[in-house]
């Protein structure tokens, strides 16, 4: 639910921002009708004809110095409508106060069944409760000044029931602050959110119940250089794809074959992504992660750090992901196994040198109704025509028992079956790990691999070092050729 909450807050921000239009200076029935028509039109364009009737149920009424906007949703039990007091301000800006989500609601949607046949959907009942809330926004539809959205929810609970699954989730406090700032004709979106006291428990069929929890979650992200025209086209394309996919998925029972409308919507979505943003960054830190499986065991992680970032300067994509776990502890395991559990793990995979134009051309060709396979192969080759594509593992850090491992490496792809790979790995405590493994029946089967790695290592102070080079010429480890004895030794890039 934490990621869903952040996504919903962002969607709500866009929903508030885009449709309100020019501010009305008079609070009367005619102005309320105009605003209602604008909102209904925008919702209809966004949701499409097959995704609900929210725009037809929407109400706008004048009240003193503001408009009361209410969006109820049909087919739901309880007080399920989003309400807000909207006030026009000087300069075409709007103040959105008393923004309230449903305090208690119950509704049913047809959702994919966990473990069920591909493409099948079953009625799923959602019960949502929000104990406290204090949310508001400041919007500038002309994008001349910054806009902002603040959401503060407390004691949030969600129960989900389907024929095979029951899930309960709870959040003590959810707070998010989002801003949208104009910059050089584009928009920069910045979001910071915190979640305190997240707990989740679920059971699928006869499988053991699984529980997750986190003491505190901090998520920060920014998207720079949003192109307004492409963003609007993206929203339209997403709504069109969602409207076309359900019947296609039901007809094909999960098959990848798309109907003509769904294929057209997918291609429109791909087109809308051209130059839509200039830079994307995001980080998430989870403190006190708890995982438990009924009858099997529990695990805790003191801290989890996740990150993602990407930019395409001059049309060439560079992107990386960060994943790190610290303080890993597993309960209900044998002491000898617990002593060898990883305490720390950090990875940073990356990709660089991908032409965005070539990638878009490849995606469009692959989704064409009549795929030209020769052209598809040419588009795939064009991805490597700008100096090659580099797949990297910029960071690898691992602590296992008495051993620590550090490394980095990359693979440069320059053509079909043409590559050059290099890696630099160091380790300490490997001999102690091997001694522990000899006395541990569960680890004795890995001893031959550890011994082989130890045999190729080069001592350097208190470290063992492996410089690995691979390519079409063969494979070498510390200059020793493997697999191809005639390969010439290659000096690695010692970064």
Protein backbone atom coordinates (compact mmCIF):
# COMPACT_ATOMS: atom_id res chain seq x y z
CA UNK A 1 0.00 0.00 0.00
CA UNK A 2 2.82 2.57 0.56
CA UNK A 3 3.72 2.77 -3.13
CA UNK A 4 0.04 2.83 -4.05
CA UNK A 5 -0.50 5.77 -1.67
CA UNK A 6 2.29 7.78 -3.31
CA UNK A 7 0.94 7.00 -6.78
CA UNK A 8 -2.58 8.00 -5.76
CA UNK A 9 -1.39 11.29 -4.28
CA UNK A 10 0.41 12.11 -7.52
CA UNK A 11 -2.64 11.17 -9.59
CA UNK A 12 -4.84 13.29 -7.34
CA UNK A 13 -2.49 16.24 -7.79
CA UNK A 14 -2.71 15.99 -11.57
CA UNK A 15 -6.48 15.54 -11.36
CA UNK A 16 -6.79 18.70 -9.29
CA UNK A 17 -4.42 20.71 -11.41
CA UNK A 18 -5.35 20.10 -15.00
CA UNK A 19 -9.07 20.70 -15.40
CA UNK A 20 -10.00 23.80 -13.43
CA UNK A 21 -9.23 26.35 -16.12
CA UNK A 22 -9.46 30.09 -15.64
CA UNK A 23 -10.67 31.29 -12.28
CA UNK A 24 -14.20 32.57 -12.05
CA UNK A 25 -14.42 35.91 -10.28
CA UNK A 26 -18.08 35.45 -9.33
CA UNK A 27 -19.35 32.67 -7.08
CA UNK A 28 -22.79 31.98 -8.49
CA UNK A 29 -24.82 29.21 -10.07
CA UNK A 30 -23.74 30.02 -13.64
CA UNK A 31 -20.06 29.91 -12.69
CA UNK A 32 -20.66 26.63 -10.84
CA UNK A 33 -22.27 25.12 -13.96
CA UNK A 34 -19.31 26.22 -16.10
CA UNK A 35 -16.81 24.73 -13.68
CA UNK A 36 -18.82 21.52 -13.45
CA UNK A 37 -18.91 21.19 -17.25
CA UNK A 38 -15.14 21.74 -17.45
CA UNK A 39 -14.50 19.08 -14.82
CA UNK A 40 -16.92 16.62 -16.41
CA UNK A 41 -15.30 17.07 -19.80
CA UNK A 42 -11.82 16.56 -18.38
CA UNK A 43 -12.81 13.44 -16.43
CA UNK A 44 -14.53 11.98 -19.50
CA UNK A 45 -11.43 12.51 -21.63
CA UNK A 46 -9.17 11.08 -18.93
CA UNK A 47 -11.20 8.02 -17.95
CA UNK A 48 -12.56 7.12 -21.36
CA UNK A 49 -16.01 5.69 -22.10
CA UNK A 50 -15.48 2.30 -20.42
CA UNK A 51 -13.92 3.21 -17.08
CA UNK A 52 -16.74 4.56 -14.99
CA UNK A 53 -19.24 7.36 -14.53
CA UNK A 54 -17.37 9.68 -12.18
CA UNK A 55 -17.78 12.66 -14.49
CA UNK A 56 -21.56 12.21 -14.70
CA UNK A 57 -21.90 12.06 -10.91
CA UNK A 58 -19.69 15.09 -10.27
CA UNK A 59 -21.37 18.07 -8.57
CA UNK A 60 -20.30 21.72 -8.20
CA UNK A 61 -22.32 24.07 -6.01
CA UNK A 62 -21.67 27.72 -5.04
CA UNK A 63 -21.26 28.38 -1.30
CA UNK A 64 -20.42 31.90 -0.05
CA UNK A 65 -16.86 32.62 -1.26
CA UNK A 66 -16.08 29.21 -2.75
CA UNK A 67 -17.34 26.29 -4.81
CA UNK A 68 -18.03 22.92 -3.20
CA UNK A 69 -16.87 20.12 -5.51
CA UNK A 70 -17.96 16.52 -4.85
CA UNK A 71 -17.13 13.46 -6.94
CA UNK A 72 -19.17 10.42 -5.80
CA UNK A 73 -18.59 7.04 -7.36
CA UNK A 74 -21.43 4.77 -8.37
CA UNK A 75 -21.64 1.16 -7.25
CA UNK A 76 -20.08 1.77 -3.84
CA UNK A 77 -21.53 1.50 -0.36
CA UNK A 78 -20.85 4.15 2.23
CA UNK A 79 -19.88 7.79 2.07
CA UNK A 80 -17.58 7.38 -0.93
CA UNK A 81 -16.97 10.69 -2.58
CA UNK A 82 -14.05 13.08 -2.78
CA UNK A 83 -14.92 16.61 -1.61
CA UNK A 84 -13.11 19.93 -1.70
CA UNK A 85 -13.76 23.64 -1.23
CA UNK A 86 -12.34 25.46 -4.27
CA UNK A 87 -11.70 29.22 -4.11
CA UNK A 88 -10.62 31.41 -7.03
CA UNK A 89 -7.69 33.71 -6.23
CA UNK A 90 -5.98 36.63 -7.94
CA UNK A 91 -3.84 35.83 -10.94
CA UNK A 92 -5.95 32.86 -12.03
CA UNK A 93 -4.83 30.68 -9.11
CA UNK A 94 -7.04 28.40 -7.04
CA UNK A 95 -7.01 27.45 -3.38
CA UNK A 96 -8.30 23.95 -2.61
CA UNK A 97 -9.23 23.55 1.06
CA UNK A 98 -11.04 20.91 3.11
CA UNK A 99 -9.89 18.30 0.61
CA UNK A 100 -11.34 15.08 1.96
CA UNK A 101 -11.20 11.50 0.79
CA UNK A 102 -13.95 9.08 1.88
CA UNK A 103 -13.72 8.47 5.64
CA UNK A 104 -15.32 5.03 5.26
CA UNK A 105 -16.20 3.25 2.06
CA UNK A 106 -16.79 -0.16 0.60
CA UNK A 107 -16.73 -0.98 -3.09
CA UNK A 108 -16.29 -3.93 -5.44
CA UNK A 109 -14.02 -4.18 -8.47
CA UNK A 110 -13.23 -7.08 -10.78
CA UNK A 111 -9.51 -7.80 -10.29
CA UNK A 112 -7.08 -10.52 -11.45
CA UNK A 113 -7.26 -13.51 -9.12
CA UNK A 114 -3.99 -14.42 -7.32
CA UNK A 115 -2.97 -17.84 -8.55
CA UNK A 116 -5.94 -18.01 -10.90
CA UNK A 117 -6.01 -18.66 -14.66
CA UNK A 118 -4.30 -15.98 -16.80
CA UNK A 119 -6.70 -13.22 -17.76
CA UNK A 120 -9.40 -14.23 -15.28
CA UNK A 121 -10.93 -11.64 -12.97
CA UNK A 122 -13.01 -12.07 -9.85
CA UNK A 123 -15.10 -9.68 -7.72
CA UNK A 124 -12.84 -8.08 -5.12
CA UNK A 125 -14.28 -6.13 -2.19
CA UNK A 126 -12.31 -3.15 -0.85
CA UNK A 127 -13.10 -1.64 2.55
CA UNK A 128 -11.28 1.63 3.28
CA UNK A 129 -11.22 3.68 6.48
CA UNK A 130 -9.38 6.95 7.15
CA UNK A 131 -9.32 8.11 10.76
CA UNK A 132 -8.01 11.67 10.37
CA UNK A 133 -7.13 13.81 7.38
CA UNK A 134 -5.93 17.32 6.66
CA UNK A 135 -5.19 17.98 2.99
CA UNK A 136 -5.09 21.09 0.83
CA UNK A 137 -3.63 22.42 -2.43
CA UNK A 138 -2.65 25.64 -4.19
CA UNK A 139 -2.99 25.45 -7.96
CA UNK A 140 -2.05 27.58 -10.93
CA UNK A 141 -3.60 26.12 -14.10
CA UNK A 142 -1.63 28.62 -16.22
CA UNK A 143 1.65 27.21 -14.83
CA UNK A 144 2.97 30.73 -14.28
CA UNK A 145 3.69 30.13 -10.58
CA UNK A 146 4.33 26.98 -8.48
CA UNK A 147 1.49 24.68 -7.48
CA UNK A 148 1.49 22.45 -4.41
CA UNK A 149 -0.45 19.61 -2.78
CA UNK A 150 -0.25 18.52 0.87
CA UNK A 151 -1.88 15.31 2.12
CA UNK A 152 -1.88 14.25 5.76
CA UNK A 153 -3.79 11.08 6.66
CA UNK A 154 -3.91 9.20 9.96
CA UNK A 155 -5.09 5.75 11.00
CA UNK A 156 -5.62 4.43 7.47
CA UNK A 157 -6.95 0.89 7.07
CA UNK A 158 -7.67 -1.17 3.97
CA UNK A 159 -9.23 -4.64 3.88
CA UNK A 160 -9.37 -6.55 0.58
CA UNK A 161 -11.39 -9.73 0.05
CA UNK A 162 -11.69 -11.99 -2.99
CA UNK A 163 -12.62 -15.69 -3.26
CA UNK A 164 -9.00 -16.79 -2.72
CA UNK A 165 -7.34 -13.88 -0.94
CA UNK A 166 -7.82 -11.87 2.25
CA UNK A 167 -5.54 -8.91 3.00
CA UNK A 168 -5.47 -6.31 5.76
CA UNK A 169 -3.26 -3.21 5.77
CA UNK A 170 -2.83 -0.35 8.20
CA UNK A 171 -0.85 2.91 8.22
CA UNK A 172 -0.49 5.02 11.36
CA UNK A 173 0.42 8.22 9.49
CA UNK A 174 0.84 9.12 5.83
CA UNK A 175 2.19 12.57 4.87
CA UNK A 176 3.18 13.77 1.40
CA UNK A 177 4.14 17.16 -0.03
CA UNK A 178 4.19 17.66 -3.81
CA UNK A 179 5.14 20.74 -5.80
CA UNK A 180 5.00 21.52 -9.50
CA UNK A 181 7.22 24.40 -10.59
CA UNK A 182 7.51 26.04 -14.03
CA UNK A 183 11.05 26.17 -15.40
CA UNK A 184 12.18 27.19 -18.90
CA UNK A 185 8.84 26.36 -20.48
CA UNK A 186 8.62 22.98 -18.77
CA UNK A 187 7.59 21.74 -15.33
CA UNK A 188 9.61 20.22 -12.46
CA UNK A 189 7.71 17.94 -10.10
CA UNK A 190 9.10 17.26 -6.61
CA UNK A 191 7.51 14.89 -4.10
CA UNK A 192 8.48 14.00 -0.52
CA UNK A 193 6.48 11.55 1.55
CA UNK A 194 6.69 9.69 4.85
CA UNK A 195 4.79 6.66 6.10
CA UNK A 196 4.87 5.67 9.76
CA UNK A 197 3.68 2.36 11.13
CA UNK A 198 2.85 0.31 8.02
CA UNK A 199 1.56 -3.21 8.62
CA UNK A 200 0.18 -5.74 6.15
CA UNK A 201 -1.04 -9.34 6.48
CA UNK A 202 -2.46 -11.53 3.73
CA UNK A 203 -3.40 -15.09 2.91
CA UNK A 204 -3.87 -16.58 -0.57
CA UNK A 205 -5.82 -19.83 -0.75
CA UNK A 206 -4.30 -22.47 1.50
CA UNK A 207 -0.84 -20.93 1.46
CA UNK A 208 0.70 -19.79 4.76
CA UNK A 209 -0.23 -16.28 5.84
CA UNK A 210 2.42 -13.62 5.14
CA UNK A 211 2.93 -10.42 7.13
CA UNK A 212 4.99 -7.33 6.33
CA UNK A 213 5.66 -4.23 8.36
CA UNK A 214 7.85 -1.14 8.46
CA UNK A 215 8.48 1.33 11.25
CA UNK A 216 9.15 4.28 8.95
CA UNK A 217 9.33 4.87 5.19
CA UNK A 218 10.77 7.98 3.56
CA UNK A 219 10.24 8.39 -0.18
CA UNK A 220 11.55 11.33 -2.20
CA UNK A 221 11.43 11.86 -5.92
CA UNK A 222 11.60 14.44 -8.64
CA UNK A 223 10.82 14.58 -12.33
CA UNK A 224 12.46 17.47 -14.17
CA UNK A 225 11.58 18.99 -17.51
CA UNK A 226 8.03 17.69 -17.92
CA UNK A 227 6.66 18.62 -21.34
CA UNK A 228 3.04 19.69 -20.81
CA UNK A 229 1.85 18.72 -24.28
CA UNK A 230 3.38 15.25 -24.08
CA UNK A 231 2.11 14.80 -20.50
CA UNK A 232 -1.45 15.53 -21.64
CA UNK A 233 -1.02 13.10 -24.55
CA UNK A 234 0.31 10.48 -22.13
CA UNK A 235 -2.76 10.77 -19.87
CA UNK A 236 -5.02 10.41 -22.88
CA UNK A 237 -3.02 7.42 -24.17
CA UNK A 238 -3.07 5.67 -20.78
CA UNK A 239 -6.85 6.10 -20.47
CA UNK A 240 -7.29 4.80 -24.02
CA UNK A 241 -5.11 1.76 -23.33
CA UNK A 242 -6.89 0.96 -20.07
CA UNK A 243 -10.24 1.25 -21.81
CA UNK A 244 -9.16 -1.13 -24.58
CA UNK A 245 -7.20 -3.72 -22.59
CA UNK A 246 -9.85 -5.34 -20.34
CA UNK A 247 -11.98 -6.77 -23.17
CA UNK A 248 -8.84 -7.77 -25.06
CA UNK A 249 -7.39 -9.54 -22.04
CA UNK A 250 -10.66 -11.32 -21.33
CA UNK A 251 -11.00 -12.47 -24.94
CA UNK A 252 -7.43 -13.75 -25.13
CA UNK A 253 -7.35 -15.22 -21.60
CA UNK A 254 -4.03 -13.57 -20.88
CA UNK A 255 -2.52 -14.08 -24.35
CA UNK A 256 -0.22 -11.30 -25.55
CA UNK A 257 -2.21 -10.80 -28.77
CA UNK A 258 -3.76 -7.32 -28.72
CA UNK A 259 -6.90 -6.10 -30.37
CA UNK A 260 -6.55 -3.34 -32.95
CA UNK A 261 -7.81 -0.59 -30.56
CA UNK A 262 -5.49 -1.78 -27.79
CA UNK A 263 -2.53 -1.90 -30.18
CA UNK A 264 -3.29 1.61 -31.43
CA UNK A 265 -3.56 2.89 -27.84
CA UNK A 266 -0.25 1.24 -26.93
CA UNK A 267 1.49 2.86 -29.89
CA UNK A 268 0.00 6.24 -28.95
CA UNK A 269 1.41 5.79 -25.45
CA UNK A 270 4.88 5.03 -26.87
CA UNK A 271 4.72 8.12 -29.08
CA UNK A 272 3.70 10.31 -26.14
CA UNK A 273 6.87 9.34 -24.24
CA UNK A 274 9.14 11.10 -26.76
CA UNK A 275 10.93 13.86 -24.84
CA UNK A 276 8.31 13.89 -22.09
CA UNK A 277 10.88 14.52 -19.30
CA UNK A 278 14.59 15.36 -19.07
CA UNK A 279 15.51 13.72 -15.75
CA UNK A 280 13.95 11.33 -13.19
CA UNK A 281 15.27 10.68 -9.67
CA UNK A 282 13.82 8.81 -6.71
CA UNK A 283 14.93 7.35 -3.39
CA UNK A 284 13.17 5.33 -0.73
CA UNK A 285 14.45 4.41 2.73
CA UNK A 286 12.67 1.80 4.84
CA UNK A 287 13.62 1.59 8.51
CA UNK A 288 12.67 -1.44 10.55
CA UNK A 289 11.38 -3.82 7.87
CA UNK A 290 9.72 -6.95 9.24
CA UNK A 291 8.69 -10.06 7.27
CA UNK A 292 7.01 -13.16 8.70
CA UNK A 293 5.62 -16.33 7.10
CA UNK A 294 3.31 -18.37 9.30
CA UNK A 295 4.96 -21.59 10.47
CA UNK A 296 8.19 -20.90 8.56
CA UNK A 297 10.08 -18.03 10.15
CA UNK A 298 10.70 -14.32 10.48
CA UNK A 299 13.24 -11.86 9.12
CA UNK A 300 14.07 -8.26 9.90
CA UNK A 301 16.14 -5.69 8.05
CA UNK A 302 17.36 -2.66 9.95
CA UNK A 303 17.31 -0.50 6.82
CA UNK A 304 16.49 -0.89 3.13
CA UNK A 305 17.55 1.77 0.63
CA UNK A 306 16.19 1.92 -2.90
CA UNK A 307 16.97 4.42 -5.60
CA UNK A 308 16.42 4.99 -9.28
CA UNK A 309 17.57 7.67 -11.65
CA UNK A 310 17.78 8.32 -15.33
CA UNK A 311 18.48 11.07 -17.83
CA UNK A 312 18.90 11.27 -21.59
CA UNK A 313 21.27 14.13 -22.42
CA UNK A 314 21.54 14.55 -26.20
CA UNK A 315 19.00 11.76 -26.62
CA UNK A 316 21.19 9.04 -25.05
CA UNK A 317 19.83 7.31 -21.95
CA UNK A 318 21.87 6.81 -18.79
CA UNK A 319 20.04 5.08 -15.92
CA UNK A 320 20.92 3.32 -12.68
CA UNK A 321 19.23 1.62 -9.75
CA UNK A 322 20.42 1.33 -6.15
CA UNK A 323 19.44 -1.50 -3.81
CA UNK A 324 20.92 -1.89 -0.33
CA UNK A 325 20.05 -3.97 2.75
CA UNK A 326 21.67 -3.43 6.15
CA UNK A 327 21.25 -5.35 9.37
CA UNK A 328 19.66 -8.50 7.93
CA UNK A 329 18.57 -10.96 10.62
CA UNK A 330 16.63 -14.22 10.24
CA UNK A 331 14.97 -15.90 13.22
CA UNK A 332 14.10 -19.54 13.80
CA UNK A 333 17.17 -20.87 11.94
CA UNK A 334 20.07 -22.97 13.14
CA UNK A 335 22.89 -20.93 14.76
CA UNK A 336 25.45 -22.17 12.23
CA UNK A 337 23.21 -21.00 9.39
CA UNK A 338 22.44 -17.68 11.07
CA UNK A 339 26.18 -16.97 11.42
CA UNK A 340 26.56 -17.16 7.65
CA UNK A 341 23.56 -15.02 6.71
CA UNK A 342 24.40 -11.84 4.74
CA UNK A 343 24.49 -8.79 7.01
CA UNK A 344 24.87 -6.23 4.24
CA UNK A 345 24.11 -6.26 0.52
CA UNK A 346 24.36 -3.37 -1.92
CA UNK A 347 23.90 -3.40 -5.70
CA UNK A 348 23.96 -0.67 -8.33
CA UNK A 349 23.07 -1.96 -11.82
CA UNK A 350 23.20 0.59 -14.62
CA UNK A 351 22.72 1.05 -18.34
CA UNK A 352 24.27 3.68 -20.58
CA UNK A 353 24.52 4.53 -24.25
CA UNK A 354 20.94 3.70 -25.27
CA UNK A 355 19.62 5.95 -28.04
CA UNK A 356 16.11 7.02 -27.04
CA UNK A 357 15.15 7.57 -30.69
CA UNK A 358 16.34 4.09 -31.65
CA UNK A 359 14.58 2.54 -28.66
CA UNK A 360 11.33 4.31 -29.58
CA UNK A 361 11.61 3.16 -33.20
CA UNK A 362 12.18 -0.41 -32.01
CA UNK A 363 9.14 -0.28 -29.70
CA UNK A 364 6.92 1.11 -32.48
CA UNK A 365 8.10 -1.51 -34.96
CA UNK A 366 7.58 -4.31 -32.40
CA UNK A 367 3.99 -3.18 -31.76
CA UNK A 368 3.07 -2.72 -35.42
CA UNK A 369 0.12 -4.77 -36.63
CA UNK A 370 2.24 -6.14 -39.48
CA UNK A 371 5.71 -6.50 -38.00
CA UNK A 372 8.53 -6.25 -40.54
CA UNK A 373 11.08 -8.60 -38.99
CA UNK A 374 13.94 -7.37 -41.16
CA UNK A 375 13.23 -3.80 -40.08
CA UNK A 376 12.86 -4.99 -36.48
CA UNK A 377 16.37 -6.48 -36.60
CA UNK A 378 17.70 -3.27 -38.15
CA UNK A 379 16.09 -1.21 -35.36
CA UNK A 380 17.62 -3.53 -32.76
CA UNK A 381 21.05 -3.12 -34.39
CA UNK A 382 20.60 0.67 -34.38
CA UNK A 383 20.58 0.57 -30.58
CA UNK A 384 24.27 -0.37 -30.73
CA UNK A 385 25.23 2.03 -33.51
CA UNK A 386 26.24 4.93 -31.24
CA UNK A 387 29.33 3.46 -29.62
CA UNK A 388 27.54 0.49 -28.08
CA UNK A 389 25.39 -0.05 -25.02
CA UNK A 390 27.02 -0.52 -21.63
CA UNK A 391 25.42 -2.71 -18.96
CA UNK A 392 27.12 -2.13 -15.65
CA UNK A 393 27.23 -3.33 -12.10
CA UNK A 394 28.72 -0.18 -10.64
CA UNK A 395 28.61 -1.48 -7.08
CA UNK A 396 28.57 -4.94 -5.49
CA UNK A 397 29.08 -5.10 -1.72
CA UNK A 398 28.33 -8.24 0.28
CA UNK A 399 29.10 -9.35 3.84
CA UNK A 400 28.63 -13.09 4.52
CA UNK A 401 29.81 -14.47 7.84
CA UNK A 402 33.48 -13.52 8.21
CA UNK A 403 33.89 -12.62 4.52
CA UNK A 404 33.36 -9.34 2.70
CA UNK A 405 33.14 -8.92 -1.07
CA UNK A 406 33.42 -5.75 -3.14
CA UNK A 407 33.30 -5.43 -6.89
CA UNK A 408 32.30 -3.54 -9.98
CA UNK A 409 32.17 -4.33 -13.68
CA UNK A 410 30.54 -3.67 -17.01
CA UNK A 411 29.71 -5.26 -20.36
CA UNK A 412 30.00 -3.22 -23.56
CA UNK A 413 27.74 -4.52 -26.35
CA UNK A 414 28.89 -3.27 -29.76
CA UNK A 415 27.07 -5.60 -32.14
CA UNK A 416 25.35 -8.97 -32.50
CA UNK A 417 27.51 -11.41 -30.50
CA UNK A 418 30.13 -8.69 -30.04
CA UNK A 419 30.93 -7.73 -26.46
CA UNK A 420 33.73 -6.83 -24.07
CA UNK A 421 33.33 -7.34 -20.33
CA UNK A 422 35.55 -6.40 -17.38
CA UNK A 423 35.16 -6.83 -13.63
CA UNK A 424 37.30 -6.05 -10.58
CA UNK A 425 36.50 -8.00 -7.39
CA UNK A 426 38.17 -7.97 -3.97
CA UNK A 427 37.48 -10.04 -0.86
CA UNK A 428 38.62 -10.43 2.73
CA UNK A 429 37.94 -13.28 5.14
CA UNK A 430 37.49 -15.91 2.42
CA UNK A 431 39.77 -18.42 4.14
CA UNK A 432 37.77 -18.08 7.38
CA UNK A 433 34.54 -18.58 5.44
CA UNK A 434 35.93 -21.76 3.88
CA UNK A 435 36.90 -23.09 7.31
CA UNK A 436 33.37 -22.47 8.59
CA UNK A 437 31.89 -24.09 5.50
CA UNK A 438 33.89 -27.29 6.09
CA UNK A 439 32.11 -27.74 9.41
CA UNK A 440 28.68 -26.90 8.03
CA UNK A 441 26.96 -29.73 6.10
CA UNK A 442 24.62 -27.22 4.44
CA UNK A 443 27.56 -25.33 2.91
CA UNK A 444 29.98 -28.12 2.06
CA UNK A 445 28.63 -28.35 -1.48
CA UNK A 446 29.85 -24.80 -2.23
CA UNK A 447 33.39 -25.57 -1.03
CA UNK A 448 34.64 -26.63 -4.50
CA UNK A 449 33.53 -23.28 -5.96
CA UNK A 450 35.12 -21.32 -3.10
CA UNK A 451 38.33 -23.32 -3.47
CA UNK A 452 38.43 -22.70 -7.23
CA UNK A 453 37.88 -18.96 -6.73
CA UNK A 454 40.60 -18.94 -4.06
CA UNK A 455 42.99 -20.63 -6.47
CA UNK A 456 42.61 -17.89 -9.10
CA UNK A 457 42.89 -15.04 -6.59
CA UNK A 458 45.84 -12.66 -6.46
CA UNK A 459 46.89 -11.67 -2.91
CA UNK A 460 47.18 -7.94 -2.36
CA UNK A 461 47.82 -6.98 1.26
CA UNK A 462 45.00 -8.45 3.34
CA UNK A 463 42.76 -8.71 0.24
CA UNK A 464 42.27 -11.26 -2.50
CA UNK A 465 41.82 -9.75 -5.97
CA UNK A 466 40.24 -11.00 -9.17
CA UNK A 467 40.53 -9.01 -12.40
CA UNK A 468 38.24 -10.64 -14.93
CA UNK A 469 38.16 -9.89 -18.65
CA UNK A 470 35.80 -11.58 -21.11
CA UNK A 471 34.94 -11.04 -24.73
CA UNK A 472 34.93 -12.64 -28.12
CA UNK A 473 38.64 -13.33 -27.61
CA UNK A 474 38.05 -15.51 -24.54
CA UNK A 475 38.09 -15.23 -20.77
CA UNK A 476 40.95 -14.36 -18.43
CA UNK A 477 41.15 -14.14 -14.64
CA UNK A 478 44.17 -12.21 -13.36
CA UNK A 479 45.73 -12.69 -16.79
CA UNK A 480 45.22 -16.47 -16.84
CA UNK A 481 43.30 -17.59 -19.93
CA UNK A 482 40.30 -19.87 -19.34
CA UNK A 483 38.48 -21.77 -22.03
CA UNK A 484 40.65 -20.35 -24.83
CA UNK A 485 44.36 -20.93 -24.14
CA UNK A 486 45.32 -18.92 -27.23
CA UNK A 487 43.61 -15.74 -26.07
CA UNK A 488 45.95 -12.83 -25.49
CA UNK A 489 45.99 -11.48 -21.93
CA UNK A 490 44.07 -8.22 -21.60
CA UNK A 491 44.85 -5.60 -18.98
CA UNK A 492 41.60 -4.68 -17.18
CA UNK A 493 40.37 -1.19 -16.50
CA UNK A 494 41.38 -0.78 -12.83
CA UNK A 495 38.89 1.80 -11.65
